[in-house]
């Protein structure tokens, strides 16, 4: 899962960059919304600190202008040289302006030192129904490692729903969580999907032989397609039909 988590972090960085780019122009701002148009122009120029300096907490802004301010705080939080404390304060300010992606930033700030606090930010993020697989994957991994397989399956299933692309690692992980949660039909579907994306018979054999939680797969009807592999009667490649 280390590879998957690294990918999640990269995705988060790209999301923030893409969010900034989406506000680079002034087309989202009403012609009469001078503040929004000014912030959009500054954002297009990468002058995020200027937006922060101009934004007044006492002033009421349009949703579009607030989004630009929130994004400016997010971009400022990612500046090289910030301390964790500075990053946290900037993410919290971004949240004040509705930039819920800041919950991901807060997660990464605390992930190594306070898992419970970090996961709390992820849970608050998923309450906003983000179209972002990252928080669901991270919460799924946490619950899986704690033996909470049903909730892990639910988080990972949601991650798959909102994922922008296919992932053999995600499907393989969802297969394992679903199996251990007792949802054998979904587990079988995800195993088949993982195979179609590059997972091999060797991966499956290694799992069954090294993790006794999966030792009974060769007797489960839902996995009849994989019986030859599971029961050691074939060495077929993943591309062949079991």
C-alpha atoms as a PDB file:
ATOM      1  CA  UNK A   1       0.000   0.000   0.000  1.00  0.00           C
ATOM      2  CA  UNK A   2       2.983   2.362   0.294  1.00  0.00           C
ATOM      3  CA  UNK A   3       2.905   2.865  -3.467  1.00  0.00           C
ATOM      4  CA  UNK A   4      -0.789   3.677  -3.320  1.00  0.00           C
ATOM      5  CA  UNK A   5      -0.358   6.195  -0.482  1.00  0.00           C
ATOM      6  CA  UNK A   6       2.448   7.979  -2.324  1.00  0.00           C
ATOM      7  CA  UNK A   7       0.134   8.203  -5.328  1.00  0.00           C
ATOM      8  CA  UNK A   8      -2.590   9.643  -3.092  1.00  0.00           C
ATOM      9  CA  UNK A   9      -0.267  12.438  -1.957  1.00  0.00           C
ATOM     10  CA  UNK A  10       0.677  13.257  -5.551  1.00  0.00           C
ATOM     11  CA  UNK A  11      -3.003  13.346  -6.497  1.00  0.00           C
ATOM     12  CA  UNK A  12      -3.676  15.808  -3.657  1.00  0.00           C
ATOM     13  CA  UNK A  13      -0.938  18.134  -4.905  1.00  0.00           C
ATOM     14  CA  UNK A  14      -2.303  17.939  -8.449  1.00  0.00           C
ATOM     15  CA  UNK A  15      -5.841  18.626  -7.251  1.00  0.00           C
ATOM     16  CA  UNK A  16      -4.728  21.813  -5.530  1.00  0.00           C
ATOM     17  CA  UNK A  17      -2.779  22.906  -8.617  1.00  0.00           C
ATOM     18  CA  UNK A  18      -5.728  22.144 -10.864  1.00  0.00           C
ATOM     19  CA  UNK A  19      -8.057  24.018  -8.537  1.00  0.00           C
ATOM     20  CA  UNK A  20      -5.835  27.057  -8.844  1.00  0.00           C
ATOM     21  CA  UNK A  21      -5.724  26.808 -12.620  1.00  0.00           C
ATOM     22  CA  UNK A  22      -9.503  26.600 -12.823  1.00  0.00           C
ATOM     23  CA  UNK A  23      -9.732  30.062 -11.286  1.00  0.00           C
ATOM     24  CA  UNK A  24      -6.987  31.573 -13.385  1.00  0.00           C
ATOM     25  CA  UNK A  25      -9.443  33.579 -15.486  1.00  0.00           C
ATOM     26  CA  UNK A  26     -12.209  35.979 -14.577  1.00  0.00           C
ATOM     27  CA  UNK A  27     -15.003  34.158 -16.436  1.00  0.00           C
ATOM     28  CA  UNK A  28     -16.410  32.709 -13.207  1.00  0.00           C
ATOM     29  CA  UNK A  29     -16.828  36.196 -11.760  1.00  0.00           C
ATOM     30  CA  UNK A  30     -19.823  38.413 -12.362  1.00  0.00           C
ATOM     31  CA  UNK A  31     -18.979  41.592 -14.262  1.00  0.00           C
ATOM     32  CA  UNK A  32     -20.132  43.627 -11.276  1.00  0.00           C
ATOM     33  CA  UNK A  33     -17.993  41.608  -8.834  1.00  0.00           C
ATOM     34  CA  UNK A  34     -14.881  43.762  -8.737  1.00  0.00           C
ATOM     35  CA  UNK A  35     -13.284  41.880  -5.847  1.00  0.00           C
ATOM     36  CA  UNK A  36     -13.685  38.529  -7.538  1.00  0.00           C
ATOM     37  CA  UNK A  37     -12.238  39.792 -10.801  1.00  0.00           C
ATOM     38  CA  UNK A  38      -9.288  41.332  -8.987  1.00  0.00           C
ATOM     39  CA  UNK A  39      -8.622  38.106  -7.068  1.00  0.00           C
ATOM     40  CA  UNK A  40      -8.927  36.056 -10.267  1.00  0.00           C
ATOM     41  CA  UNK A  41      -6.342  38.229 -11.998  1.00  0.00           C
ATOM     42  CA  UNK A  42      -3.972  37.898  -9.051  1.00  0.00           C
ATOM     43  CA  UNK A  43      -4.516  34.151  -8.949  1.00  0.00           C
ATOM     44  CA  UNK A  44      -3.725  33.864 -12.657  1.00  0.00           C
ATOM     45  CA  UNK A  45      -0.453  35.675 -11.939  1.00  0.00           C
ATOM     46  CA  UNK A  46       0.335  33.362  -9.025  1.00  0.00           C
ATOM     47  CA  UNK A  47       0.150  36.240  -6.547  1.00  0.00           C
ATOM     48  CA  UNK A  48      -1.607  34.337  -3.789  1.00  0.00           C
ATOM     49  CA  UNK A  49      -0.130  36.363  -0.945  1.00  0.00           C
ATOM     50  CA  UNK A  50      -1.526  39.506  -2.519  1.00  0.00           C
ATOM     51  CA  UNK A  51      -5.002  37.977  -2.409  1.00  0.00           C
ATOM     52  CA  UNK A  52      -4.536  37.097   1.254  1.00  0.00           C
ATOM     53  CA  UNK A  53      -3.341  40.609   2.032  1.00  0.00           C
ATOM     54  CA  UNK A  54      -6.293  42.218   0.251  1.00  0.00           C
ATOM     55  CA  UNK A  55      -9.000  39.931   1.664  1.00  0.00           C
ATOM     56  CA  UNK A  56     -10.799  41.438   4.642  1.00  0.00           C
ATOM     57  CA  UNK A  57     -12.479  39.200   7.234  1.00  0.00           C
ATOM     58  CA  UNK A  58     -14.998  41.988   7.837  1.00  0.00           C
ATOM     59  CA  UNK A  59     -16.146  42.109   4.223  1.00  0.00           C
ATOM     60  CA  UNK A  60     -18.807  39.937   2.606  1.00  0.00           C
ATOM     61  CA  UNK A  61     -17.661  38.252  -0.622  1.00  0.00           C
ATOM     62  CA  UNK A  62     -19.399  36.274  -3.328  1.00  0.00           C
ATOM     63  CA  UNK A  63     -18.962  32.498  -3.363  1.00  0.00           C
ATOM     64  CA  UNK A  64     -16.622  32.844  -6.333  1.00  0.00           C
ATOM     65  CA  UNK A  65     -14.460  35.396  -4.559  1.00  0.00           C
ATOM     66  CA  UNK A  66     -14.404  33.297  -1.382  1.00  0.00           C
ATOM     67  CA  UNK A  67     -13.246  30.299  -3.424  1.00  0.00           C
ATOM     68  CA  UNK A  68     -10.347  32.326  -4.766  1.00  0.00           C
ATOM     69  CA  UNK A  69      -9.368  33.481  -1.273  1.00  0.00           C
ATOM     70  CA  UNK A  70      -9.572  29.951   0.075  1.00  0.00           C
ATOM     71  CA  UNK A  71      -7.447  28.690  -2.787  1.00  0.00           C
ATOM     72  CA  UNK A  72      -4.876  31.412  -2.102  1.00  0.00           C
ATOM     73  CA  UNK A  73      -4.528  30.202   1.483  1.00  0.00           C
ATOM     74  CA  UNK A  74      -4.145  26.616   0.244  1.00  0.00           C
ATOM     75  CA  UNK A  75      -1.411  27.591  -2.185  1.00  0.00           C
ATOM     76  CA  UNK A  76       0.311  29.608   0.536  1.00  0.00           C
ATOM     77  CA  UNK A  77       0.196  26.579   2.823  1.00  0.00           C
ATOM     78  CA  UNK A  78       2.181  24.627   0.248  1.00  0.00           C
ATOM     79  CA  UNK A  79       5.026  27.126   0.070  1.00  0.00           C
ATOM     80  CA  UNK A  80       8.481  25.722   0.664  1.00  0.00           C
ATOM     81  CA  UNK A  81       9.940  26.750   4.003  1.00  0.00           C
ATOM     82  CA  UNK A  82       6.683  26.841   5.968  1.00  0.00           C
ATOM     83  CA  UNK A  83       6.735  25.294   9.407  1.00  0.00           C
ATOM     84  CA  UNK A  84       4.026  22.719  10.221  1.00  0.00           C
ATOM     85  CA  UNK A  85       2.419  25.333  12.457  1.00  0.00           C
ATOM     86  CA  UNK A  86       2.301  27.874   9.630  1.00  0.00           C
ATOM     87  CA  UNK A  87       0.884  25.269   7.247  1.00  0.00           C
ATOM     88  CA  UNK A  88      -1.816  24.384   9.763  1.00  0.00           C
ATOM     89  CA  UNK A  89      -2.869  27.992  10.302  1.00  0.00           C
ATOM     90  CA  UNK A  90      -3.046  28.622   6.561  1.00  0.00           C
ATOM     91  CA  UNK A  91      -5.141  25.480   6.019  1.00  0.00           C
ATOM     92  CA  UNK A  92      -7.496  26.543   8.795  1.00  0.00           C
ATOM     93  CA  UNK A  93      -7.895  29.946   7.165  1.00  0.00           C
ATOM     94  CA  UNK A  94      -8.619  28.229   3.850  1.00  0.00           C
ATOM     95  CA  UNK A  95     -11.411  26.303   5.567  1.00  0.00           C
ATOM     96  CA  UNK A  96     -12.944  29.569   6.764  1.00  0.00           C
ATOM     97  CA  UNK A  97     -13.470  30.412   3.098  1.00  0.00           C
ATOM     98  CA  UNK A  98     -14.937  27.029   2.229  1.00  0.00           C
ATOM     99  CA  UNK A  99     -11.827  25.374   0.746  1.00  0.00           C
ATOM    100  CA  UNK A 100     -12.581  21.902   2.091  1.00  0.00           C
ATOM    101  CA  UNK A 101      -9.533  20.389   0.361  1.00  0.00           C
ATOM    102  CA  UNK A 102      -7.613  21.960   3.245  1.00  0.00           C
ATOM    103  CA  UNK A 103      -8.707  18.980   5.343  1.00  0.00           C
ATOM    104  CA  UNK A 104      -6.294  16.899   3.279  1.00  0.00           C
ATOM    105  CA  UNK A 105      -3.490  19.314   4.053  1.00  0.00           C
ATOM    106  CA  UNK A 106      -4.304  19.103   7.758  1.00  0.00           C
ATOM    107  CA  UNK A 107      -4.269  15.318   7.513  1.00  0.00           C
ATOM    108  CA  UNK A 108      -0.762  15.258   6.052  1.00  0.00           C
ATOM    109  CA  UNK A 109       0.483  17.734   8.663  1.00  0.00           C
ATOM    110  CA  UNK A 110      -0.585  15.464  11.530  1.00  0.00           C
ATOM    111  CA  UNK A 111      -0.404  11.980   9.969  1.00  0.00           C
ATOM    112  CA  UNK A 112       3.012  11.111  11.398  1.00  0.00           C
ATOM    113  CA  UNK A 113       2.461  12.475  14.891  1.00  0.00           C
ATOM    114  CA  UNK A 114      -1.227  12.058  15.729  1.00  0.00           C
ATOM    115  CA  UNK A 115      -3.115   9.458  13.682  1.00  0.00           C
ATOM    116  CA  UNK A 116      -6.402   9.978  15.491  1.00  0.00           C
ATOM    117  CA  UNK A 117      -6.358  13.742  14.915  1.00  0.00           C
ATOM    118  CA  UNK A 118      -5.251  13.290  11.304  1.00  0.00           C
ATOM    119  CA  UNK A 119      -8.024  10.807  10.568  1.00  0.00           C
ATOM    120  CA  UNK A 120     -10.495  13.163  12.192  1.00  0.00           C
ATOM    121  CA  UNK A 121      -9.734  15.705   9.494  1.00  0.00           C
ATOM    122  CA  UNK A 122     -10.263  13.057   6.818  1.00  0.00           C
ATOM    123  CA  UNK A 123     -13.645  12.134   8.290  1.00  0.00           C
ATOM    124  CA  UNK A 124     -14.707  15.762   8.265  1.00  0.00           C
ATOM    125  CA  UNK A 125     -13.568  15.964   4.648  1.00  0.00           C
ATOM    126  CA  UNK A 126     -15.603  12.932   3.516  1.00  0.00           C
ATOM    127  CA  UNK A 127     -18.670  14.460   5.182  1.00  0.00           C
ATOM    128  CA  UNK A 128     -18.493  17.091   2.427  1.00  0.00           C
ATOM    129  CA  UNK A 129     -18.795  14.321  -0.221  1.00  0.00           C
ATOM    130  CA  UNK A 130     -15.610  15.206  -2.115  1.00  0.00           C
ATOM    131  CA  UNK A 131     -15.111  13.850  -5.626  1.00  0.00           C
ATOM    132  CA  UNK A 132     -11.637  12.818  -4.561  1.00  0.00           C
ATOM    133  CA  UNK A 133     -10.548   9.233  -3.835  1.00  0.00           C
ATOM    134  CA  UNK A 134      -7.672  10.181  -1.524  1.00  0.00           C
ATOM    135  CA  UNK A 135      -9.484  10.614   1.834  1.00  0.00           C
ATOM    136  CA  UNK A 136     -11.528   7.453   1.301  1.00  0.00           C
ATOM    137  CA  UNK A 137      -8.428   5.399   0.504  1.00  0.00           C
ATOM    138  CA  UNK A 138      -6.568   6.688   3.543  1.00  0.00           C
ATOM    139  CA  UNK A 139      -9.478   6.027   5.907  1.00  0.00           C
ATOM    140  CA  UNK A 140      -9.974   2.617   4.309  1.00  0.00           C
ATOM    141  CA  UNK A 141      -6.349   1.698   4.914  1.00  0.00           C
ATOM    142  CA  UNK A 142      -6.539   2.879   8.531  1.00  0.00           C
ATOM    143  CA  UNK A 143      -9.666   0.837   9.276  1.00  0.00           C
ATOM    144  CA  UNK A 144      -8.298  -2.199   7.445  1.00  0.00           C
ATOM    145  CA  UNK A 145      -5.141  -2.147   9.552  1.00  0.00           C
ATOM    146  CA  UNK A 146      -7.282  -1.966  12.687  1.00  0.00           C
ATOM    147  CA  UNK A 147      -9.388  -4.935  11.602  1.00  0.00           C
ATOM    148  CA  UNK A 148     -12.481  -2.843  10.851  1.00  0.00           C
ATOM    149  CA  UNK A 149     -13.038  -4.557   7.514  1.00  0.00           C
ATOM    150  CA  UNK A 150     -16.645  -3.550   6.912  1.00  0.00           C
ATOM    151  CA  UNK A 151     -15.960   0.175   7.236  1.00  0.00           C
ATOM    152  CA  UNK A 152     -12.709  -0.241   5.289  1.00  0.00           C
ATOM    153  CA  UNK A 153     -14.689  -1.835   2.456  1.00  0.00           C
ATOM    154  CA  UNK A 154     -17.200   1.007   2.495  1.00  0.00           C
ATOM    155  CA  UNK A 155     -14.503   3.682   2.335  1.00  0.00           C
ATOM    156  CA  UNK A 156     -12.624   1.889  -0.447  1.00  0.00           C
ATOM    157  CA  UNK A 157     -15.806   1.255  -2.394  1.00  0.00           C
ATOM    158  CA  UNK A 158     -16.540   4.978  -2.257  1.00  0.00           C
ATOM    159  CA  UNK A 159     -12.972   5.682  -3.375  1.00  0.00           C
ATOM    160  CA  UNK A 160     -13.551   3.534  -6.428  1.00  0.00           C
ATOM    161  CA  UNK A 161     -16.805   5.364  -7.219  1.00  0.00           C
ATOM    162  CA  UNK A 162     -15.151   8.784  -7.249  1.00  0.00           C
ATOM    163  CA  UNK A 163     -11.825   7.700  -8.710  1.00  0.00           C
ATOM    164  CA  UNK A 164     -10.898   9.440 -11.934  1.00  0.00           C
ATOM    165  CA  UNK A 165      -9.172   6.354 -13.323  1.00  0.00           C
ATOM    166  CA  UNK A 166      -8.630   2.645 -12.836  1.00  0.00           C
ATOM    167  CA  UNK A 167      -6.192   1.311 -10.282  1.00  0.00           C
ATOM    168  CA  UNK A 168      -5.109  -2.297  -9.850  1.00  0.00           C
ATOM    169  CA  UNK A 169      -3.842  -1.467  -6.357  1.00  0.00           C
ATOM    170  CA  UNK A 170      -7.162   0.032  -5.288  1.00  0.00           C
ATOM    171  CA  UNK A 171      -9.161  -2.886  -6.704  1.00  0.00           C
ATOM    172  CA  UNK A 172      -6.809  -5.402  -5.064  1.00  0.00           C
ATOM    173  CA  UNK A 173      -7.174  -3.633  -1.733  1.00  0.00           C
ATOM    174  CA  UNK A 174     -10.959  -3.485  -2.091  1.00  0.00           C
ATOM    175  CA  UNK A 175     -10.959  -7.199  -2.923  1.00  0.00           C
ATOM    176  CA  UNK A 176      -9.170  -7.989   0.340  1.00  0.00           C
ATOM    177  CA  UNK A 177     -11.334  -5.687   2.464  1.00  0.00           C
ATOM    178  CA  UNK A 178     -14.528  -7.039   0.894  1.00  0.00           C
ATOM    179  CA  UNK A 179     -13.473 -10.646   1.431  1.00  0.00           C
ATOM    180  CA  UNK A 180     -12.651 -10.085   5.075  1.00  0.00           C
ATOM    181  CA  UNK A 181     -15.899  -8.135   5.538  1.00  0.00           C
ATOM    182  CA  UNK A 182     -17.844 -11.111   4.204  1.00  0.00           C
ATOM    183  CA  UNK A 183     -18.948  -9.476   0.940  1.00  0.00           C
ATOM    184  CA  UNK A 184     -17.706 -12.302  -1.263  1.00  0.00           C
ATOM    185  CA  UNK A 185     -19.523 -11.200  -4.404  1.00  0.00           C
ATOM    186  CA  UNK A 186     -17.852  -7.779  -4.411  1.00  0.00           C
ATOM    187  CA  UNK A 187     -14.536  -9.374  -3.457  1.00  0.00           C
ATOM    188  CA  UNK A 188     -14.704 -11.678  -6.473  1.00  0.00           C
ATOM    189  CA  UNK A 189     -15.554  -8.792  -8.795  1.00  0.00           C
ATOM    190  CA  UNK A 190     -12.647  -6.725  -7.499  1.00  0.00           C
ATOM    191  CA  UNK A 191     -10.227  -9.625  -7.774  1.00  0.00           C
ATOM    192  CA  UNK A 192     -11.256 -10.117 -11.397  1.00  0.00           C
ATOM    193  CA  UNK A 193     -10.832  -6.381 -12.023  1.00  0.00           C
ATOM    194  CA  UNK A 194      -7.389  -6.357 -10.392  1.00  0.00           C
ATOM    195  CA  UNK A 195      -6.351  -9.284 -12.604  1.00  0.00           C
ATOM    196  CA  UNK A 196      -7.486  -7.417 -15.716  1.00  0.00           C
ATOM    197  CA  UNK A 197      -5.187  -4.537 -14.738  1.00  0.00           C
ATOM    198  CA  UNK A 198      -2.009  -6.518 -14.147  1.00  0.00           C
ATOM    199  CA  UNK A 199      -2.280  -8.478 -10.921  1.00  0.00           C
ATOM    200  CA  UNK A 200      -1.063 -12.042 -11.432  1.00  0.00           C
ATOM    201  CA  UNK A 201      -1.748 -15.588 -10.307  1.00  0.00           C
ATOM    202  CA  UNK A 202       1.493 -15.261  -8.368  1.00  0.00           C
ATOM    203  CA  UNK A 203       0.066 -12.341  -6.390  1.00  0.00           C
ATOM    204  CA  UNK A 204      -3.028 -14.359  -5.486  1.00  0.00           C
ATOM    205  CA  UNK A 205      -1.073 -17.482  -4.577  1.00  0.00           C
ATOM    206  CA  UNK A 206       1.293 -15.454  -2.426  1.00  0.00           C
ATOM    207  CA  UNK A 207      -1.619 -13.859  -0.577  1.00  0.00           C
ATOM    208  CA  UNK A 208      -3.355 -17.165   0.135  1.00  0.00           C
ATOM    209  CA  UNK A 209      -0.153 -18.914   1.199  1.00  0.00           C
ATOM    210  CA  UNK A 210       1.106 -16.167   3.512  1.00  0.00           C
ATOM    211  CA  UNK A 211      -2.129 -14.828   5.043  1.00  0.00           C
ATOM    212  CA  UNK A 212      -4.321 -17.470   6.652  1.00  0.00           C
ATOM    213  CA  UNK A 213      -7.300 -15.116   6.618  1.00  0.00           C
ATOM    214  CA  UNK A 214      -7.615 -15.981   2.925  1.00  0.00           C
ATOM    215  CA  UNK A 215      -6.865 -19.686   3.161  1.00  0.00           C
ATOM    216  CA  UNK A 216     -10.506 -20.686   2.605  1.00  0.00           C
ATOM    217  CA  UNK A 217     -10.955 -18.883  -0.714  1.00  0.00           C
ATOM    218  CA  UNK A 218     -10.484 -22.087  -2.688  1.00  0.00           C
ATOM    219  CA  UNK A 219     -13.724 -23.438  -1.226  1.00  0.00           C
ATOM    220  CA  UNK A 220     -15.902 -20.351  -1.708  1.00  0.00           C
ATOM    221  CA  UNK A 221     -18.397 -20.630  -4.569  1.00  0.00           C
ATOM    222  CA  UNK A 222     -17.999 -16.951  -5.474  1.00  0.00           C
ATOM    223  CA  UNK A 223     -14.357 -17.672  -6.383  1.00  0.00           C
ATOM    224  CA  UNK A 224     -15.061 -20.704  -8.560  1.00  0.00           C
ATOM    225  CA  UNK A 225     -13.451 -18.898 -11.499  1.00  0.00           C
ATOM    226  CA  UNK A 226     -10.199 -18.922  -9.569  1.00  0.00           C
ATOM    227  CA  UNK A 227     -10.394 -22.460  -8.142  1.00  0.00           C
ATOM    228  CA  UNK A 228      -7.635 -23.822 -10.375  1.00  0.00           C
ATOM    229  CA  UNK A 229      -5.302 -21.093  -9.212  1.00  0.00           C
ATOM    230  CA  UNK A 230      -6.325 -21.241  -5.565  1.00  0.00           C
ATOM    231  CA  UNK A 231      -6.133 -25.011  -5.342  1.00  0.00           C
ATOM    232  CA  UNK A 232      -2.763 -25.228  -7.034  1.00  0.00           C
ATOM    233  CA  UNK A 233      -3.755 -27.019 -10.232  1.00  0.00           C
ATOM    234  CA  UNK A 234      -2.546 -24.384 -12.683  1.00  0.00           C
ATOM    235  CA  UNK A 235       0.243 -21.870 -13.148  1.00  0.00           C
ATOM    236  CA  UNK A 236      -1.667 -19.878 -15.733  1.00  0.00           C
ATOM    237  CA  UNK A 237      -0.818 -16.253 -16.320  1.00  0.00           C
ATOM    238  CA  UNK A 238      -3.239 -13.566 -15.202  1.00  0.00           C
ATOM    239  CA  UNK A 239      -4.291 -12.941 -18.800  1.00  0.00           C
ATOM    240  CA  UNK A 240      -5.624 -16.489 -19.162  1.00  0.00           C
ATOM    241  CA  UNK A 241      -9.077 -17.534 -18.031  1.00  0.00           C
ATOM    242  CA  UNK A 242      -9.035 -19.494 -14.805  1.00  0.00           C
END
